[in-house]
PDB file of N, CA and C in Angstrom:
ATOM      1  N   MET A   1      61.068 -93.669 -51.749  1.00  0.00           N
ATOM      2  CA  MET A   1      60.305 -94.573 -52.136  1.00  0.00           C
ATOM      3  C   MET A   1      60.526 -96.005 -51.014  1.00  0.00           C
ATOM      4  N   GLY A   2      59.500 -96.385 -50.967  1.00  0.00           N
ATOM      5  CA  GLY A   2      59.420 -97.627 -49.881  1.00  0.00           C
ATOM      6  C   GLY A   2      60.330 -98.961 -50.536  1.00  0.00           C
ATOM      7  N   LEU A   3      60.554 -99.656 -49.562  1.00  0.00           N
ATOM      8  CA  LEU A   3      61.264-100.707 -50.076  1.00  0.00           C
ATOM      9  C   LEU A   3      60.357-101.743 -50.695  1.00  0.00           C
ATOM     10  N   ASP A   4      59.141-101.900 -50.472  1.00  0.00           N
ATOM     11  CA  ASP A   4      58.214-102.600 -51.020  1.00  0.00           C
ATOM     12  C   ASP A   4      57.992-102.114 -52.635  1.00  0.00           C
ATOM     13  N   ASP A   5      57.795-101.148 -52.856  1.00  0.00           N
ATOM     14  CA  ASP A   5      57.755-100.095 -54.095  1.00  0.00           C
ATOM     15  C   ASP A   5      58.740-100.212 -54.842  1.00  0.00           C
ATOM     16  N   LYS A   6      60.070-100.464 -54.422  1.00  0.00           N
ATOM     17  CA  LYS A   6      61.464-100.674 -55.236  1.00  0.00           C
ATOM     18  C   LYS A   6      61.269-102.170 -55.693  1.00  0.00           C
ATOM     19  N   ILE A   7      61.182-102.995 -54.796  1.00  0.00           N
ATOM     20  CA  ILE A   7      61.036-104.366 -55.317  1.00  0.00           C
ATOM     21  C   ILE A   7      60.169-104.852 -56.276  1.00  0.00           C
ATOM     22  N   ARG A   8      58.723-104.404 -56.025  1.00  0.00           N
ATOM     23  CA  ARG A   8      57.645-104.323 -57.016  1.00  0.00           C
ATOM     24  C   ARG A   8      58.301-103.732 -58.535  1.00  0.00           C
ATOM     25  N   ASN A   9      58.629-102.747 -58.438  1.00  0.00           N
ATOM     26  CA  ASN A   9      59.001-101.972 -59.563  1.00  0.00           C
ATOM     27  C   ASN A   9      60.246-103.053 -60.352  1.00  0.00           C
ATOM     28  N   ALA A  10      61.228-103.097 -59.729  1.00  0.00           N
ATOM     29  CA  ALA A  10      62.119-104.098 -60.011  1.00  0.00           C
ATOM     30  C   ALA A  10      61.982-105.372 -60.865  1.00  0.00           C
ATOM     31  N   ALA A  11      60.834-105.981 -60.290  1.00  0.00           N
ATOM     32  CA  ALA A  11      60.381-107.024 -60.091  1.00  0.00           C
ATOM     33  C   ALA A  11      59.562-107.059 -61.696  1.00  0.00           C
ATOM     34  N   ASP A  12      58.804-106.223 -61.794  1.00  0.00           N
ATOM     35  CA  ASP A  12      57.953-105.597 -63.008  1.00  0.00           C
ATOM     36  C   ASP A  12      59.038-105.562 -64.257  1.00  0.00           C
ATOM     37  N   LYS A  13      59.971-104.649 -64.070  1.00  0.00           N
ATOM     38  CA  LYS A  13      60.866-104.423 -65.092  1.00  0.00           C
ATOM     39  C   LYS A  13      61.693-105.813 -65.329  1.00  0.00           C
ATOM     40  N   ALA A  14      61.858-106.540 -64.545  1.00  0.00           N
ATOM     41  CA  ALA A  14      62.773-107.960 -64.744  1.00  0.00           C
ATOM     42  C   ALA A  14      62.048-108.976 -65.586  1.00  0.00           C
ATOM     43  N   VAL A  15      60.573-109.001 -64.847  1.00  0.00           N
ATOM     44  CA  VAL A  15      59.662-110.133 -65.753  1.00  0.00           C
ATOM     45  C   VAL A  15      59.451-109.499 -67.034  1.00  0.00           C
ATOM     46  N   GLY A  16      59.142-108.286 -67.023  1.00  0.00           N
ATOM     47  CA  GLY A  16      58.666-107.741 -68.472  1.00  0.00           C
ATOM     48  C   GLY A  16      59.718-107.975 -69.180  1.00  0.00           C
ATOM     49  N   SER A  17      61.411-107.725 -69.072  1.00  0.00           N
ATOM     50  CA  SER A  17      62.556-107.981 -69.845  1.00  0.00           C
ATOM     51  C   SER A  17      62.335-109.187 -70.096  1.00  0.00           C
ATOM     52  N   ALA A  18      62.413-110.095 -69.114  1.00  0.00           N
ATOM     53  CA  ALA A  18      62.239-111.728 -69.736  1.00  0.00           C
ATOM     54  C   ALA A  18      61.194-111.801 -70.810  1.00  0.00           C
ATOM     55  N   LYS A  19      59.862-111.814 -70.724  1.00  0.00           N
ATOM     56  CA  LYS A  19      58.805-111.875 -71.345  1.00  0.00           C
ATOM     57  C   LYS A  19      59.168-111.063 -72.685  1.00  0.00           C
ATOM     58  N   GLU A  20      59.573-110.081 -72.682  1.00  0.00           N
ATOM     59  CA  GLU A  20      60.059-109.459 -73.924  1.00  0.00           C
ATOM     60  C   GLU A  20      60.828-110.504 -74.680  1.00  0.00           C
ATOM     61  N   ALA A  21      62.391-110.840 -73.984  1.00  0.00           N
ATOM     62  CA  ALA A  21      63.314-111.568 -74.624  1.00  0.00           C
ATOM     63  C   ALA A  21      62.579-113.032 -74.987  1.00  0.00           C
ATOM     64  N   VAL A  22      61.865-113.715 -74.276  1.00  0.00           N
ATOM     65  CA  VAL A  22      61.086-115.121 -74.761  1.00  0.00           C
ATOM     66  C   VAL A  22      60.014-114.803 -75.938  1.00  0.00           C
ATOM     67  N   GLY A  23      59.568-113.633 -76.044  1.00  0.00           N
ATOM     68  CA  GLY A  23      58.709-113.219 -77.082  1.00  0.00           C
ATOM     69  C   GLY A  23      59.781-113.167 -78.503  1.00  0.00           C
ATOM     70  N   ASP A  24      60.820-112.383 -78.146  1.00  0.00           N
ATOM     71  CA  ASP A  24      61.701-112.511 -79.303  1.00  0.00           C
ATOM     72  C   ASP A  24      62.254-113.750 -79.865  1.00  0.00           C
ATOM     73  N   ALA A  25      62.599-114.812 -78.898  1.00  0.00           N
ATOM     74  CA  ALA A  25      63.181-115.762 -78.997  1.00  0.00           C
ATOM     75  C   ALA A  25      62.334-116.473 -79.932  1.00  0.00           C
ATOM     76  N   THR A  26      60.915-116.763 -79.373  1.00  0.00           N
ATOM     77  CA  THR A  26      59.765-117.325 -80.103  1.00  0.00           C
ATOM     78  C   THR A  26      59.165-116.800 -80.919  1.00  0.00           C
ATOM     79  N   ASP A  27      59.343-115.751 -81.317  1.00  0.00           N
ATOM     80  CA  ASP A  27      58.665-114.818 -82.527  1.00  0.00           C
ATOM     81  C   ASP A  27      56.956-114.796 -82.089  1.00  0.00           C
ATOM     82  N   ASN A  28      57.052-114.527 -80.514  1.00  0.00           N
ATOM     83  CA  ASN A  28      55.765-114.149 -79.904  1.00  0.00           C
ATOM     84  C   ASN A  28      55.410-112.638 -80.099  1.00  0.00           C
ATOM     85  N   ARG A  29      54.643-112.246 -80.802  1.00  0.00           N
ATOM     86  CA  ARG A  29      54.636-111.037 -80.914  1.00  0.00           C
ATOM     87  C   ARG A  29      53.758-110.002 -79.504  1.00  0.00           C
ATOM     88  N   ASP A  30      52.844-111.342 -79.127  1.00  0.00           N
ATOM     89  CA  ASP A  30      51.690-110.634 -78.201  1.00  0.00           C
ATOM     90  C   ASP A  30      52.833-110.680 -76.611  1.00  0.00           C
ATOM     91  N   LEU A  31      53.482-111.691 -76.647  1.00  0.00           N
ATOM     92  CA  LEU A  31      54.222-111.753 -75.511  1.00  0.00           C
ATOM     93  C   LEU A  31      55.288-110.961 -75.438  1.00  0.00           C
ATOM     94  N   ARG A  32      56.039-110.562 -76.364  1.00  0.00           N
ATOM     95  CA  ARG A  32      56.874-109.358 -76.782  1.00  0.00           C
ATOM     96  C   ARG A  32      56.395-108.157 -76.130  1.00  0.00           C
ATOM     97  N   ALA A  33      54.919-107.781 -76.777  1.00  0.00           N
ATOM     98  CA  ALA A  33      54.410-106.789 -76.417  1.00  0.00           C
ATOM     99  C   ALA A  33      53.852-106.303 -74.948  1.00  0.00           C
ATOM    100  N   GLU A  34      53.651-107.615 -74.274  1.00  0.00           N
ATOM    101  CA  GLU A  34      52.951-107.764 -73.040  1.00  0.00           C
ATOM    102  C   GLU A  34      54.393-107.341 -72.233  1.00  0.00           C
ATOM    103  N   GLY A  35      55.661-107.981 -72.598  1.00  0.00           N
ATOM    104  CA  GLY A  35      56.645-107.803 -71.954  1.00  0.00           C
ATOM    105  C   GLY A  35      57.071-106.062 -71.887  1.00  0.00           C
ATOM    106  N   ARG A  36      57.003-105.494 -73.081  1.00  0.00           N
ATOM    107  CA  ARG A  36      57.263-104.114 -73.255  1.00  0.00           C
ATOM    108  C   ARG A  36      56.548-103.337 -72.169  1.00  0.00           C
ATOM    109  N   VAL A  37      54.977-103.627 -72.335  1.00  0.00           N
ATOM    110  CA  VAL A  37      54.297-102.740 -71.522  1.00  0.00           C
ATOM    111  C   VAL A  37      54.673-103.234 -70.078  1.00  0.00           C
ATOM    112  N   GLN A  38      54.820-104.130 -69.441  1.00  0.00           N
ATOM    113  CA  GLN A  38      55.200-104.451 -67.767  1.00  0.00           C
ATOM    114  C   GLN A  38      56.479-103.881 -67.745  1.00  0.00           C
ATOM    115  N   LYS A  39      57.389-103.629 -68.567  1.00  0.00           N
ATOM    116  CA  LYS A  39      58.540-103.421 -68.143  1.00  0.00           C
ATOM    117  C   LYS A  39      58.670-101.615 -68.341  1.00  0.00           C
ATOM    118  N   THR A  40      57.986-101.170 -69.068  1.00  0.00           N
ATOM    119  CA  THR A  40      57.611 -99.668 -69.019  1.00  0.00           C
ATOM    120  C   THR A  40      56.652 -99.375 -68.067  1.00  0.00           C
ATOM    121  N   ALA A  41      55.759-100.127 -67.653  1.00  0.00           N
ATOM    122  CA  ALA A  41      55.072 -99.607 -66.376  1.00  0.00           C
ATOM    123  C   ALA A  41      55.717 -99.532 -65.118  1.00  0.00           C
ATOM    124  N   GLY A  42      56.753-100.582 -64.933  1.00  0.00           N
ATOM    125  CA  GLY A  42      57.785-100.585 -63.762  1.00  0.00           C
ATOM    126  C   GLY A  42      58.356 -99.453 -63.920  1.00  0.00           C
ATOM    127  N   SER A  43      59.247 -99.025 -64.947  1.00  0.00           N
ATOM    128  CA  SER A  43      60.122 -98.105 -64.992  1.00  0.00           C
ATOM    129  C   SER A  43      59.258 -96.745 -64.560  1.00  0.00           C
ATOM    130  N   THR A  44      58.116 -96.535 -65.329  1.00  0.00           N
ATOM    131  CA  THR A  44      57.307 -95.302 -64.964  1.00  0.00           C
ATOM    132  C   THR A  44      56.789 -95.237 -63.324  1.00  0.00           C
ATOM    133  N   ARG A  45      56.318 -96.373 -62.974  1.00  0.00           N
ATOM    134  CA  ARG A  45      56.049 -96.233 -61.458  1.00  0.00           C
ATOM    135  C   ARG A  45      57.733 -95.838 -60.867  1.00  0.00           C
ATOM    136  N   GLN A  46      58.671 -96.705 -61.067  1.00  0.00           N
ATOM    137  CA  GLN A  46      59.611 -95.949 -60.521  1.00  0.00           C
ATOM    138  C   GLN A  46      60.306 -94.523 -60.835  1.00  0.00           C
ATOM    139  N   ALA A  47      59.895 -94.015 -61.887  1.00  0.00           N
ATOM    140  CA  ALA A  47      60.332 -92.404 -61.780  1.00  0.00           C
ATOM    141  C   ALA A  47      59.132 -91.972 -61.050  1.00  0.00           C
ATOM    142  N   GLY A  48      57.904 -92.201 -60.975  1.00  0.00           N
ATOM    143  CA  GLY A  48      57.019 -91.495 -60.429  1.00  0.00           C
ATOM    144  C   GLY A  48      57.696 -91.342 -58.736  1.00  0.00           C
ATOM    145  N   GLU A  49      58.251 -92.753 -58.361  1.00  0.00           N
ATOM    146  CA  GLU A  49      58.483 -92.672 -56.951  1.00  0.00           C
ATOM    147  C   GLU A  49      59.849 -91.996 -56.857  1.00  0.00           C
ATOM    148  N   HIS A  50      60.616 -91.817 -57.543  1.00  0.00           N
ATOM    149  CA  HIS A  50      61.636 -91.001 -57.505  1.00  0.00           C
ATOM    150  C   HIS A  50      61.560 -89.137 -57.249  1.00  0.00           C
ATOM    151  N   LEU A  51      60.748 -89.193 -58.345  1.00  0.00           N
ATOM    152  CA  LEU A  51      60.013 -87.821 -58.390  1.00  0.00           C
ATOM    153  C   LEU A  51      59.605 -87.204 -56.649  1.00  0.00           C
ATOM    154  N   LYS A  52      58.598 -88.436 -56.327  1.00  0.00           N
ATOM    155  CA  LYS A  52      57.877 -88.261 -54.771  1.00  0.00           C
ATOM    156  C   LYS A  52      59.378 -87.992 -54.053  1.00  0.00           C
ATOM    157  N   ASP A  53      59.984 -88.711 -53.821  1.00  0.00           N
ATOM    158  CA  ASP A  53      61.463 -88.561 -53.113  1.00  0.00           C
ATOM    159  C   ASP A  53      62.022 -87.460 -53.025  1.00  0.00           C
ATOM    160  N   ALA A  54      62.354 -86.663 -54.652  1.00  0.00           N
ATOM    161  CA  ALA A  54      62.863 -85.656 -54.434  1.00  0.00           C
ATOM    162  C   ALA A  54      62.128 -84.333 -54.224  1.00  0.00           C
ATOM    163  N   ALA A  55      60.742 -84.184 -54.069  1.00  0.00           N
ATOM    164  CA  ALA A  55      59.811 -83.110 -53.948  1.00  0.00           C
ATOM    165  C   ALA A  55      60.035 -83.267 -52.118  1.00  0.00           C
ATOM    166  N   ARG A  56      60.157 -84.659 -51.581  1.00  0.00           N
ATOM    167  CA  ARG A  56      60.208 -84.524 -50.126  1.00  0.00           C
ATOM    168  C   ARG A  56      61.615 -84.275 -49.636  1.00  0.00           C
ATOM    169  N   ASP A  57      62.528 -84.197 -50.428  1.00  0.00           N
ATOM    170  CA  ASP A  57      63.872 -84.024 -50.172  1.00  0.00           C
ATOM    171  C   ASP A  57      63.681 -82.126 -50.170  1.00  0.00           C
ATOM    172  N   VAL A  58      63.422 -81.698 -51.313  1.00  0.00           N
ATOM    173  CA  VAL A  58      63.329 -80.509 -51.649  1.00  0.00           C
ATOM    174  C   VAL A  58      62.403 -79.912 -50.168  1.00  0.00           C
ATOM    175  N   GLY A  59      61.460 -80.523 -50.084  1.00  0.00           N
ATOM    176  CA  GLY A  59      60.551 -79.857 -48.628  1.00  0.00           C
ATOM    177  C   GLY A  59      61.307 -79.856 -47.763  1.00  0.00           C
ATOM    178  N   ASP A  60      61.988 -80.938 -47.102  1.00  0.00           N
ATOM    179  CA  ASP A  60      62.853 -81.271 -46.141  1.00  0.00           C
ATOM    180  C   ASP A  60      64.114 -79.992 -46.060  1.00  0.00           C
ATOM    181  N   GLY A  61      64.656 -79.918 -47.473  1.00  0.00           N
ATOM    182  CA  GLY A  61      65.695 -79.031 -47.218  1.00  0.00           C
ATOM    183  C   GLY A  61      65.063 -77.452 -47.089  1.00  0.00           C
ATOM    184  N   LEU A  62      63.993 -77.037 -47.546  1.00  0.00           N
ATOM    185  CA  LEU A  62      63.389 -75.861 -47.256  1.00  0.00           C
ATOM    186  C   LEU A  62      63.087 -75.822 -45.618  1.00  0.00           C
ATOM    187  N   LYS A  63      62.700 -76.928 -44.850  1.00  0.00           N
ATOM    188  CA  LYS A  63      62.285 -76.472 -43.537  1.00  0.00           C
ATOM    189  C   LYS A  63      63.815 -76.322 -42.667  1.00  0.00           C
ATOM    190  N   SER A  64      65.001 -76.813 -43.232  1.00  0.00           N
ATOM    191  CA  SER A  64      66.185 -76.687 -42.431  1.00  0.00           C
ATOM    192  C   SER A  64      66.714 -75.169 -42.667  1.00  0.00           C
TER     193      SER A  64
END
């Protein structure tokens, strides 16, 4: 996983968490839902990057 991807995914998760918290505090269902979506998207992309890294590591291990 590239550093750019790590930063982008972490930022999406953090901003999503913040939106969700503000939505909870202000009883704004739309903002809460938007935060959940953004947080989940960041987590999903991060998981995908981890899978790519693992596949690359397996490939590198087979070459050795």
